[in-house]
Amino acid sequence: MTLLNVTDTGATQANVSNHLRVLRRAGMIVLEPRGRYTYYRLVPETLEGAARQLTDLAARARATAATSRPC
């Protein structure tokens, strides 16, 4: 387990909190309150699903890279 705190990220507490909230709503992390601390854990299944979607998106982008369409 890798432990990080806000100072390790170089970001502000508010910025880290906002990112964690977005990741939590997306189901990519879950929180585990323990006393005065809160620990966050990645959800492997959600990350794997996102990886599959990104792989599919990359394949489509590669297949249509030479195609131009007007905006």
N, C-alpha and C. Protein backbone atom coordinates (compact mmCIF):
# COMPACT_ATOMS: atom_id res chain seq x y z
N MET A 1 0.84 -1.16 0.00
CA MET A 1 0.00 0.00 0.00
C MET A 1 0.89 1.23 0.00
N THR A 2 0.59 2.17 -0.90
CA THR A 2 1.33 3.42 -0.95
C THR A 2 0.53 4.48 -0.22
N LEU A 3 1.17 5.12 0.72
CA LEU A 3 0.50 6.19 1.46
C LEU A 3 0.99 7.53 0.95
N LEU A 4 0.05 8.40 0.64
CA LEU A 4 0.36 9.75 0.20
C LEU A 4 -0.42 10.73 1.06
N ASN A 5 0.13 11.90 1.21
CA ASN A 5 -0.66 12.96 1.81
C ASN A 5 -0.65 14.15 0.86
N VAL A 6 -1.40 15.17 1.19
CA VAL A 6 -1.57 16.31 0.28
C VAL A 6 -0.23 16.93 -0.08
N THR A 7 0.68 17.05 0.86
CA THR A 7 1.97 17.68 0.57
C THR A 7 2.77 16.89 -0.46
N ASP A 8 2.53 15.59 -0.58
CA ASP A 8 3.22 14.77 -1.59
C ASP A 8 2.78 15.12 -3.01
N THR A 9 1.58 15.68 -3.16
CA THR A 9 1.05 15.95 -4.49
C THR A 9 1.46 17.30 -5.04
N GLY A 10 1.80 18.24 -4.19
CA GLY A 10 2.11 19.59 -4.64
C GLY A 10 0.86 20.40 -4.93
N ALA A 11 -0.32 19.85 -4.67
CA ALA A 11 -1.59 20.53 -4.90
C ALA A 11 -2.14 21.04 -3.57
N THR A 12 -3.13 21.91 -3.68
CA THR A 12 -3.77 22.40 -2.47
C THR A 12 -4.74 21.34 -1.92
N GLN A 13 -5.09 21.47 -0.64
CA GLN A 13 -6.04 20.55 -0.03
C GLN A 13 -7.37 20.59 -0.77
N ALA A 14 -7.82 21.79 -1.14
CA ALA A 14 -9.10 21.92 -1.85
C ALA A 14 -9.05 21.21 -3.20
N ASN A 15 -7.94 21.35 -3.91
CA ASN A 15 -7.80 20.72 -5.22
C ASN A 15 -7.82 19.20 -5.09
N VAL A 16 -7.08 18.68 -4.14
CA VAL A 16 -7.05 17.23 -3.92
C VAL A 16 -8.44 16.73 -3.53
N SER A 17 -9.11 17.44 -2.65
CA SER A 17 -10.46 17.04 -2.22
C SER A 17 -11.42 17.01 -3.40
N ASN A 18 -11.35 18.01 -4.27
CA ASN A 18 -12.22 18.04 -5.44
C ASN A 18 -11.95 16.86 -6.37
N HIS A 19 -10.69 16.55 -6.61
CA HIS A 19 -10.35 15.41 -7.46
C HIS A 19 -10.82 14.10 -6.84
N LEU A 20 -10.64 13.95 -5.54
CA LEU A 20 -11.09 12.73 -4.87
C LEU A 20 -12.61 12.59 -4.95
N ARG A 21 -13.33 13.71 -4.84
CA ARG A 21 -14.79 13.68 -4.95
C ARG A 21 -15.21 13.19 -6.34
N VAL A 22 -14.56 13.70 -7.38
CA VAL A 22 -14.88 13.28 -8.75
C VAL A 22 -14.59 11.80 -8.94
N LEU A 23 -13.44 11.34 -8.47
CA LEU A 23 -13.08 9.92 -8.59
C LEU A 23 -14.05 9.03 -7.82
N ARG A 24 -14.49 9.51 -6.66
CA ARG A 24 -15.45 8.75 -5.86
C ARG A 24 -16.79 8.64 -6.58
N ARG A 25 -17.26 9.74 -7.13
CA ARG A 25 -18.54 9.73 -7.86
C ARG A 25 -18.47 8.84 -9.10
N ALA A 26 -17.28 8.74 -9.68
CA ALA A 26 -17.10 7.88 -10.86
C ALA A 26 -16.94 6.42 -10.47
N GLY A 27 -16.86 6.14 -9.17
CA GLY A 27 -16.72 4.77 -8.71
C GLY A 27 -15.31 4.23 -8.84
N MET A 28 -14.33 5.10 -9.03
CA MET A 28 -12.95 4.65 -9.21
C MET A 28 -12.22 4.47 -7.88
N ILE A 29 -12.72 5.12 -6.83
CA ILE A 29 -12.13 4.95 -5.51
C ILE A 29 -13.24 4.81 -4.48
N VAL A 30 -12.92 4.21 -3.37
CA VAL A 30 -13.82 4.16 -2.22
C VAL A 30 -13.05 4.67 -1.02
N LEU A 31 -13.77 5.28 -0.09
CA LEU A 31 -13.08 5.79 1.09
C LEU A 31 -13.30 4.86 2.27
N GLU A 32 -12.31 4.85 3.14
CA GLU A 32 -12.36 4.03 4.35
C GLU A 32 -11.98 4.91 5.53
N PRO A 33 -12.98 5.45 6.26
CA PRO A 33 -12.67 6.26 7.43
C PRO A 33 -12.09 5.39 8.54
N ARG A 34 -11.00 5.85 9.12
CA ARG A 34 -10.38 5.15 10.25
C ARG A 34 -9.93 6.20 11.26
N GLY A 35 -10.73 6.37 12.30
CA GLY A 35 -10.39 7.37 13.30
C GLY A 35 -10.42 8.76 12.69
N ARG A 36 -9.34 9.51 12.90
CA ARG A 36 -9.30 10.88 12.35
C ARG A 36 -8.77 10.93 10.92
N TYR A 37 -8.48 9.78 10.35
CA TYR A 37 -7.94 9.73 8.98
C TYR A 37 -8.95 9.08 8.05
N THR A 38 -8.84 9.41 6.78
CA THR A 38 -9.64 8.76 5.74
C THR A 38 -8.67 8.19 4.72
N TYR A 39 -8.83 6.92 4.44
CA TYR A 39 -8.00 6.24 3.45
C TYR A 39 -8.81 6.00 2.20
N TYR A 40 -8.17 6.11 1.05
CA TYR A 40 -8.83 5.91 -0.23
C TYR A 40 -8.23 4.69 -0.91
N ARG A 41 -9.11 3.87 -1.51
CA ARG A 41 -8.66 2.66 -2.18
C ARG A 41 -9.18 2.68 -3.61
N LEU A 42 -8.32 2.31 -4.55
CA LEU A 42 -8.73 2.19 -5.95
C LEU A 42 -9.65 0.99 -6.12
N VAL A 43 -10.60 1.08 -7.04
CA VAL A 43 -11.50 -0.02 -7.36
C VAL A 43 -11.03 -0.61 -8.69
N PRO A 44 -10.32 -1.75 -8.65
CA PRO A 44 -9.72 -2.31 -9.87
C PRO A 44 -10.70 -2.56 -11.00
N GLU A 45 -11.90 -3.05 -10.69
CA GLU A 45 -12.87 -3.36 -11.73
C GLU A 45 -13.28 -2.11 -12.51
N THR A 46 -13.47 -1.01 -11.81
CA THR A 46 -13.83 0.24 -12.47
C THR A 46 -12.69 0.74 -13.34
N LEU A 47 -11.47 0.64 -12.83
CA LEU A 47 -10.30 1.06 -13.60
C LEU A 47 -10.13 0.21 -14.85
N GLU A 48 -10.38 -1.08 -14.73
CA GLU A 48 -10.27 -1.97 -15.89
C GLU A 48 -11.32 -1.61 -16.94
N GLY A 49 -12.53 -1.29 -16.50
CA GLY A 49 -13.57 -0.88 -17.43
C GLY A 49 -13.20 0.41 -18.15
N ALA A 50 -12.65 1.36 -17.41
CA ALA A 50 -12.21 2.62 -18.02
C ALA A 50 -11.08 2.37 -19.01
N ALA A 51 -10.18 1.46 -18.66
CA ALA A 51 -9.06 1.13 -19.56
C ALA A 51 -9.58 0.52 -20.86
N ARG A 52 -10.59 -0.34 -20.77
CA ARG A 52 -11.19 -0.93 -21.98
C ARG A 52 -11.82 0.15 -22.85
N GLN A 53 -12.54 1.07 -22.23
CA GLN A 53 -13.19 2.14 -22.99
C GLN A 53 -12.14 3.03 -23.66
N LEU A 54 -11.06 3.33 -22.96
CA LEU A 54 -10.00 4.16 -23.55
C LEU A 54 -9.29 3.43 -24.68
N THR A 55 -9.11 2.13 -24.54
CA THR A 55 -8.50 1.34 -25.61
C THR A 55 -9.38 1.36 -26.85
N ASP A 56 -10.70 1.20 -26.66
CA ASP A 56 -11.64 1.26 -27.79
C ASP A 56 -11.63 2.65 -28.44
N LEU A 57 -11.58 3.69 -27.62
CA LEU A 57 -11.54 5.05 -28.15
C LEU A 57 -10.27 5.29 -28.95
N ALA A 58 -9.14 4.79 -28.45
CA ALA A 58 -7.87 4.94 -29.17
C ALA A 58 -7.91 4.21 -30.51
N ALA A 59 -8.52 3.03 -30.53
CA ALA A 59 -8.63 2.26 -31.78
C ALA A 59 -9.49 3.01 -32.80
N ARG A 60 -10.59 3.60 -32.34
CA ARG A 60 -11.44 4.38 -33.26
C ARG A 60 -10.71 5.61 -33.76
N ALA A 61 -9.97 6.27 -32.88
CA ALA A 61 -9.22 7.46 -33.29
C ALA A 61 -8.16 7.10 -34.32
N ARG A 62 -7.51 5.97 -34.11
CA ARG A 62 -6.49 5.50 -35.05
C ARG A 62 -7.12 5.20 -36.41
N ALA A 63 -8.30 4.57 -36.39
CA ALA A 63 -8.97 4.17 -37.63
C ALA A 63 -9.49 5.37 -38.42
N THR A 64 -9.78 6.44 -37.75
CA THR A 64 -10.35 7.62 -38.44
C THR A 64 -9.40 8.81 -38.46
N ALA A 65 -8.13 8.57 -38.17
CA ALA A 65 -7.16 9.67 -38.06
C ALA A 65 -7.02 10.44 -39.38
N ALA A 66 -7.15 9.76 -40.49
CA ALA A 66 -6.96 10.40 -41.80
C ALA A 66 -8.25 11.05 -42.32
N THR A 67 -9.35 10.85 -41.60
CA THR A 67 -10.63 11.38 -42.04
C THR A 67 -10.84 12.79 -41.50
N SER A 68 -11.24 13.68 -42.38
CA SER A 68 -11.53 15.07 -41.97
C SER A 68 -12.99 15.34 -42.21
N ARG A 69 -13.62 15.99 -41.23
CA ARG A 69 -15.01 16.40 -41.39
C ARG A 69 -15.12 17.86 -40.98
N PRO A 70 -15.96 18.60 -41.69
CA PRO A 70 -16.14 20.01 -41.30
C PRO A 70 -16.85 20.10 -39.95
N CYS A 71 -16.55 21.11 -39.24
CA CYS A 71 -17.21 21.33 -37.92
C CYS A 71 -18.54 21.98 -38.08
